[in-house]
């Protein structure tokens, strides 16, 4: 990596560059990062500690490694504060794709919740969802018809999974599916750590005419245990400015529309 003039970088920009470097190298050392960004070891250690608190990396002696535990997943309450501003922007951008009278499927998760909060004033929506919290917000704050998918509640995630959830979508068809994800790569597509959750997401995609994936940039470039669908089944990806130019091009080369939200 070429040396960067830190005088022209904001903290967030430096951390995004560190994350991009980690995704490429999988491991970085503090002295190397100090040299790259012309900052002190204390500054780099502070960056790495903050990024670790957001679940982006794991601190090691003298450096950090990329989080690559494909089967590990934070419960919903642990994810609420992570990348909140980016998720809100993504939710607002996704909401612009919803019109009065639409029939939509909405996945579970914190990004999906930001999206739902942004569509509560839409009229005559029909919303298919397996998320208890999302159903509650729609019931209290909108006039939407809510089709809640039954099944076994996945403890800690406030959503239903399993054969009953899949069966609950039999015979349904929606205009658009708004999907969240734990991982996204050009090669593996959309992925999540839990097999049962992957099956529900996959079924939502199958019943939709258009598939929109809402994904903050911290999840792009990494994959989880279970593939949900390849990118060939995705129409639009909505993300934030943290996505790199090369990654965006790699996704667009798969004939996916990539919409980048700007603060």
Protein backbone atom coordinates (compact mmCIF):
# COMPACT_ATOMS: atom_id res chain seq x y z
CA UNK A 1 0.00 0.00 0.00
CA UNK A 2 1.29 3.46 -0.88
CA UNK A 3 1.96 5.94 1.88
CA UNK A 4 -1.07 8.18 2.51
CA UNK A 5 -1.00 11.85 3.47
CA UNK A 6 -2.98 11.68 6.71
CA UNK A 7 -3.56 15.44 6.67
CA UNK A 8 -6.21 14.90 4.02
CA UNK A 9 -7.97 11.96 5.73
CA UNK A 10 -10.87 11.94 8.13
CA UNK A 11 -10.89 9.25 10.83
CA UNK A 12 -13.66 7.33 9.07
CA UNK A 13 -11.76 7.43 5.77
CA UNK A 14 -8.62 6.04 7.43
CA UNK A 15 -10.58 3.24 9.06
CA UNK A 16 -12.26 2.38 5.76
CA UNK A 17 -8.82 2.15 4.14
CA UNK A 18 -7.59 -0.08 6.97
CA UNK A 19 -10.60 -2.35 6.44
CA UNK A 20 -9.98 -2.49 2.69
CA UNK A 21 -6.37 -3.43 3.36
CA UNK A 22 -7.48 -6.13 5.82
CA UNK A 23 -9.88 -7.61 3.28
CA UNK A 24 -6.97 -7.91 0.88
CA UNK A 25 -4.22 -9.05 3.26
CA UNK A 26 -6.30 -10.63 6.11
CA UNK A 27 -3.71 -9.40 8.64
CA UNK A 28 -2.05 -6.03 9.34
CA UNK A 29 0.56 -4.87 11.87
CA UNK A 30 0.58 -1.57 13.75
CA UNK A 31 4.03 -0.38 12.53
CA UNK A 32 3.03 -0.98 8.91
CA UNK A 33 -0.20 1.02 9.34
CA UNK A 34 1.72 3.83 11.08
CA UNK A 35 4.00 4.06 8.07
CA UNK A 36 1.11 3.92 5.59
CA UNK A 37 -0.88 6.70 7.23
CA UNK A 38 1.91 8.75 8.85
CA UNK A 39 0.27 8.60 12.29
CA UNK A 40 1.34 7.43 15.72
CA UNK A 41 0.97 3.88 17.10
CA UNK A 42 -1.53 5.25 19.64
CA UNK A 43 -3.74 6.53 16.81
CA UNK A 44 -3.64 3.20 14.98
CA UNK A 45 -4.31 1.23 18.15
CA UNK A 46 -7.31 3.48 18.83
CA UNK A 47 -8.59 2.85 15.30
CA UNK A 48 -8.19 -0.90 15.65
CA UNK A 49 -9.89 -0.96 19.06
CA UNK A 50 -12.88 0.97 17.72
CA UNK A 51 -13.11 -1.23 14.64
CA UNK A 52 -12.98 -4.33 16.85
CA UNK A 53 -15.88 -2.97 18.92
CA UNK A 54 -17.87 -2.71 15.67
CA UNK A 55 -17.13 -6.33 14.85
CA UNK A 56 -14.98 -5.52 11.81
CA UNK A 57 -11.74 -7.14 12.99
CA UNK A 58 -10.04 -9.01 15.82
CA UNK A 59 -7.08 -7.49 17.65
CA UNK A 60 -3.91 -9.58 17.82
CA UNK A 61 -0.53 -8.95 19.42
CA UNK A 62 0.88 -6.01 17.47
CA UNK A 63 -1.90 -5.80 14.89
CA UNK A 64 -5.25 -7.16 13.76
CA UNK A 65 -6.84 -9.84 11.60
CA UNK A 66 -10.02 -9.76 9.57
CA UNK A 67 -13.04 -11.41 11.16
CA UNK A 68 -13.48 -14.56 9.11
CA UNK A 69 -15.51 -16.80 11.43
CA UNK A 70 -18.18 -17.67 8.89
CA UNK A 71 -20.45 -19.34 11.41
CA UNK A 72 -20.36 -16.57 14.01
CA UNK A 73 -23.23 -14.10 14.23
CA UNK A 74 -24.11 -11.36 16.71
CA UNK A 75 -27.65 -11.37 18.08
CA UNK A 76 -29.91 -8.47 17.10
CA UNK A 77 -29.30 -6.38 20.24
CA UNK A 78 -25.54 -6.53 19.66
CA UNK A 79 -25.92 -5.26 16.10
CA UNK A 80 -28.23 -2.31 16.75
CA UNK A 81 -25.44 0.27 17.20
CA UNK A 82 -23.12 -1.03 14.48
CA UNK A 83 -22.84 1.24 11.43
CA UNK A 84 -26.11 2.91 12.43
CA UNK A 85 -25.74 6.00 10.21
CA UNK A 86 -24.91 3.87 7.16
CA UNK A 87 -27.88 1.58 7.81
CA UNK A 88 -30.20 4.55 8.13
CA UNK A 89 -29.04 5.96 4.78
CA UNK A 90 -29.43 2.56 3.15
CA UNK A 91 -32.91 2.19 4.61
CA UNK A 92 -33.95 5.60 3.29
CA UNK A 93 -32.59 4.81 -0.17
CA UNK A 94 -34.39 1.46 -0.24
CA UNK A 95 -37.63 3.15 0.85
CA UNK A 96 -37.52 5.28 -2.30
CA UNK A 97 -38.16 2.09 -4.27
CA UNK A 98 -41.49 1.49 -2.50
CA UNK A 99 -44.72 2.94 -3.86
CA UNK A 100 -48.19 3.10 -2.36
CA UNK A 101 -50.01 -0.18 -2.88
CA UNK A 102 -46.88 -2.33 -3.27
CA UNK A 103 -46.77 -5.91 -2.05
CA UNK A 104 -43.33 -6.52 -0.55
CA UNK A 105 -41.36 -9.06 1.47
CA UNK A 106 -39.06 -7.72 4.18
CA UNK A 107 -36.23 -9.72 5.71
CA UNK A 108 -35.20 -9.53 9.35
CA UNK A 109 -32.36 -7.44 10.78
CA UNK A 110 -31.27 -3.99 11.87
CA UNK A 111 -30.87 -2.62 8.34
CA UNK A 112 -34.31 -3.94 7.43
CA UNK A 113 -35.70 -2.16 10.50
CA UNK A 114 -34.28 1.17 9.31
CA UNK A 115 -35.94 0.54 5.96
CA UNK A 116 -39.31 -0.24 7.56
CA UNK A 117 -39.21 2.92 9.67
CA UNK A 118 -38.82 4.85 6.41
CA UNK A 119 -41.92 3.34 4.74
CA UNK A 120 -44.48 3.70 7.53
CA UNK A 121 -46.20 6.60 5.69
CA UNK A 122 -46.69 4.63 2.49
CA UNK A 123 -50.35 3.76 1.93
CA UNK A 124 -52.00 0.40 1.30
CA UNK A 125 -48.85 -1.70 1.51
CA UNK A 126 -48.93 -5.44 2.01
CA UNK A 127 -45.82 -6.60 3.87
CA UNK A 128 -44.70 -10.20 4.25
CA UNK A 129 -42.13 -10.56 7.04
CA UNK A 130 -40.74 -13.02 9.57
CA UNK A 131 -39.43 -10.34 11.94
CA UNK A 132 -41.42 -9.77 15.15
CA UNK A 133 -40.08 -6.24 15.72
CA UNK A 134 -40.72 -5.17 12.13
CA UNK A 135 -44.28 -6.49 12.29
CA UNK A 136 -44.78 -4.53 15.54
CA UNK A 137 -43.54 -1.25 14.05
CA UNK A 138 -45.78 -1.67 11.00
CA UNK A 139 -48.79 -2.50 13.16
CA UNK A 140 -48.33 0.57 15.36
CA UNK A 141 -47.13 3.13 12.82
CA UNK A 142 -48.65 2.25 9.42
CA UNK A 143 -51.84 1.12 7.72
CA UNK A 144 -50.04 -1.81 6.06
CA UNK A 145 -51.56 -5.26 5.83
CA UNK A 146 -49.04 -7.44 7.63
CA UNK A 147 -48.56 -11.08 6.67
CA UNK A 148 -46.45 -12.54 9.46
CA UNK A 149 -44.70 -15.79 8.60
CA UNK A 150 -45.07 -18.32 11.40
CA UNK A 151 -42.55 -20.91 12.53
CA UNK A 152 -40.00 -21.37 15.28
CA UNK A 153 -38.70 -18.15 16.81
CA UNK A 154 -34.94 -17.90 16.49
CA UNK A 155 -34.00 -16.83 19.99
CA UNK A 156 -32.06 -13.58 20.16
CA UNK A 157 -32.94 -12.64 16.58
CA UNK A 158 -36.68 -11.91 16.93
CA UNK A 159 -37.57 -13.80 13.75
CA UNK A 160 -39.20 -17.05 12.67
CA UNK A 161 -37.46 -19.86 10.78
CA UNK A 162 -38.05 -23.50 9.94
CA UNK A 163 -40.48 -25.54 7.81
CA UNK A 164 -43.56 -23.64 9.04
CA UNK A 165 -41.99 -20.34 7.97
CA UNK A 166 -41.27 -21.74 4.51
CA UNK A 167 -44.79 -23.18 4.26
CA UNK A 168 -46.24 -19.81 5.28
CA UNK A 169 -45.03 -18.36 1.96
CA UNK A 170 -46.58 -21.04 -0.24
CA UNK A 171 -48.83 -19.53 -2.89
CA UNK A 172 -47.60 -15.98 -2.27
CA UNK A 173 -46.06 -13.57 -4.77
CA UNK A 174 -44.61 -10.13 -4.03
CA UNK A 175 -43.50 -7.20 -6.15
CA UNK A 176 -40.21 -6.69 -4.33
CA UNK A 177 -38.11 -8.46 -1.72
CA UNK A 178 -35.93 -6.32 0.54
CA UNK A 179 -33.18 -8.57 1.81
CA UNK A 180 -30.49 -8.06 4.45
CA UNK A 181 -27.29 -10.10 4.57
CA UNK A 182 -24.31 -11.02 6.73
CA UNK A 183 -21.92 -11.42 3.81
CA UNK A 184 -21.72 -10.46 0.14
CA UNK A 185 -19.07 -11.35 -2.44
CA UNK A 186 -19.13 -11.51 -6.24
CA UNK A 187 -18.19 -15.19 -6.14
CA UNK A 188 -20.44 -16.52 -3.33
CA UNK A 189 -23.28 -14.03 -3.52
CA UNK A 190 -25.47 -13.42 -0.48
CA UNK A 191 -24.71 -15.46 2.65
CA UNK A 192 -25.66 -15.88 6.31
CA UNK A 193 -24.34 -18.03 9.19
CA UNK A 194 -27.60 -19.89 9.95
CA UNK A 195 -28.99 -22.62 7.65
CA UNK A 196 -32.59 -22.12 8.76
CA UNK A 197 -32.40 -18.40 8.21
CA UNK A 198 -30.83 -18.94 4.79
CA UNK A 199 -33.81 -21.08 3.75
CA UNK A 200 -36.32 -18.37 4.69
CA UNK A 201 -34.35 -15.69 2.85
CA UNK A 202 -34.08 -17.95 -0.19
CA UNK A 203 -37.83 -18.49 -0.23
CA UNK A 204 -38.44 -14.73 -0.04
CA UNK A 205 -36.27 -14.30 -3.10
CA UNK A 206 -38.18 -17.03 -4.95
CA UNK A 207 -41.57 -15.34 -4.47
CA UNK A 208 -40.36 -11.87 -5.55
CA UNK A 209 -40.36 -10.21 -8.96
CA UNK A 210 -37.47 -7.94 -7.92
CA UNK A 211 -34.77 -8.53 -5.29
CA UNK A 212 -33.11 -5.62 -3.49
CA UNK A 213 -30.24 -6.32 -1.09
CA UNK A 214 -29.56 -3.77 1.67
CA UNK A 215 -25.97 -4.15 2.83
CA UNK A 216 -23.56 -1.77 4.57
CA UNK A 217 -20.04 -1.88 3.16
CA UNK A 218 -18.52 -3.62 6.20
CA UNK A 219 -20.17 -6.85 5.02
CA UNK A 220 -19.06 -6.61 1.40
CA UNK A 221 -16.05 -8.73 0.57
CA UNK A 222 -16.68 -11.38 3.22
CA UNK A 223 -18.89 -14.46 3.20
CA UNK A 224 -20.74 -16.49 5.81
CA UNK A 225 -21.41 -20.21 6.18
CA UNK A 226 -24.58 -20.59 4.07
CA UNK A 227 -25.19 -19.20 0.62
CA UNK A 228 -28.64 -17.69 0.27
CA UNK A 229 -28.57 -16.96 -3.47
CA UNK A 230 -25.90 -16.14 -6.05
CA UNK A 231 -25.74 -12.60 -7.43
CA UNK A 232 -27.51 -13.79 -10.57
CA UNK A 233 -30.73 -13.71 -8.52
CA UNK A 234 -30.17 -10.17 -7.20
CA UNK A 235 -31.33 -7.06 -9.07
CA UNK A 236 -30.13 -4.19 -6.89
CA UNK A 237 -27.58 -3.76 -4.08
CA UNK A 238 -27.88 -0.66 -1.88
CA UNK A 239 -24.78 0.16 0.16
CA UNK A 240 -22.72 3.07 1.51
CA UNK A 241 -19.64 4.97 0.38
CA UNK A 242 -17.29 2.53 2.09
CA UNK A 243 -17.50 0.16 -0.87
CA UNK A 244 -14.29 0.27 -2.91
CA UNK A 245 -14.19 1.16 -6.59
CA UNK A 246 -12.86 -2.28 -7.58
CA UNK A 247 -15.48 -4.12 -5.53
CA UNK A 248 -18.27 -2.03 -6.98
CA UNK A 249 -17.02 -2.78 -10.47
CA UNK A 250 -16.77 -6.50 -9.67
CA UNK A 251 -20.41 -6.51 -8.53
CA UNK A 252 -21.59 -4.52 -11.53
CA UNK A 253 -19.73 -6.94 -13.79
CA UNK A 254 -22.23 -9.54 -12.49
CA UNK A 255 -25.03 -7.41 -13.98
CA UNK A 256 -26.20 -6.11 -10.61
CA UNK A 257 -27.22 -2.47 -10.13
CA UNK A 258 -25.20 -0.98 -7.25
CA UNK A 259 -26.65 2.11 -5.57
CA UNK A 260 -24.28 3.95 -3.23
CA UNK A 261 -25.79 6.17 -0.51
CA UNK A 262 -24.01 9.42 0.20
CA UNK A 263 -24.21 11.21 3.53
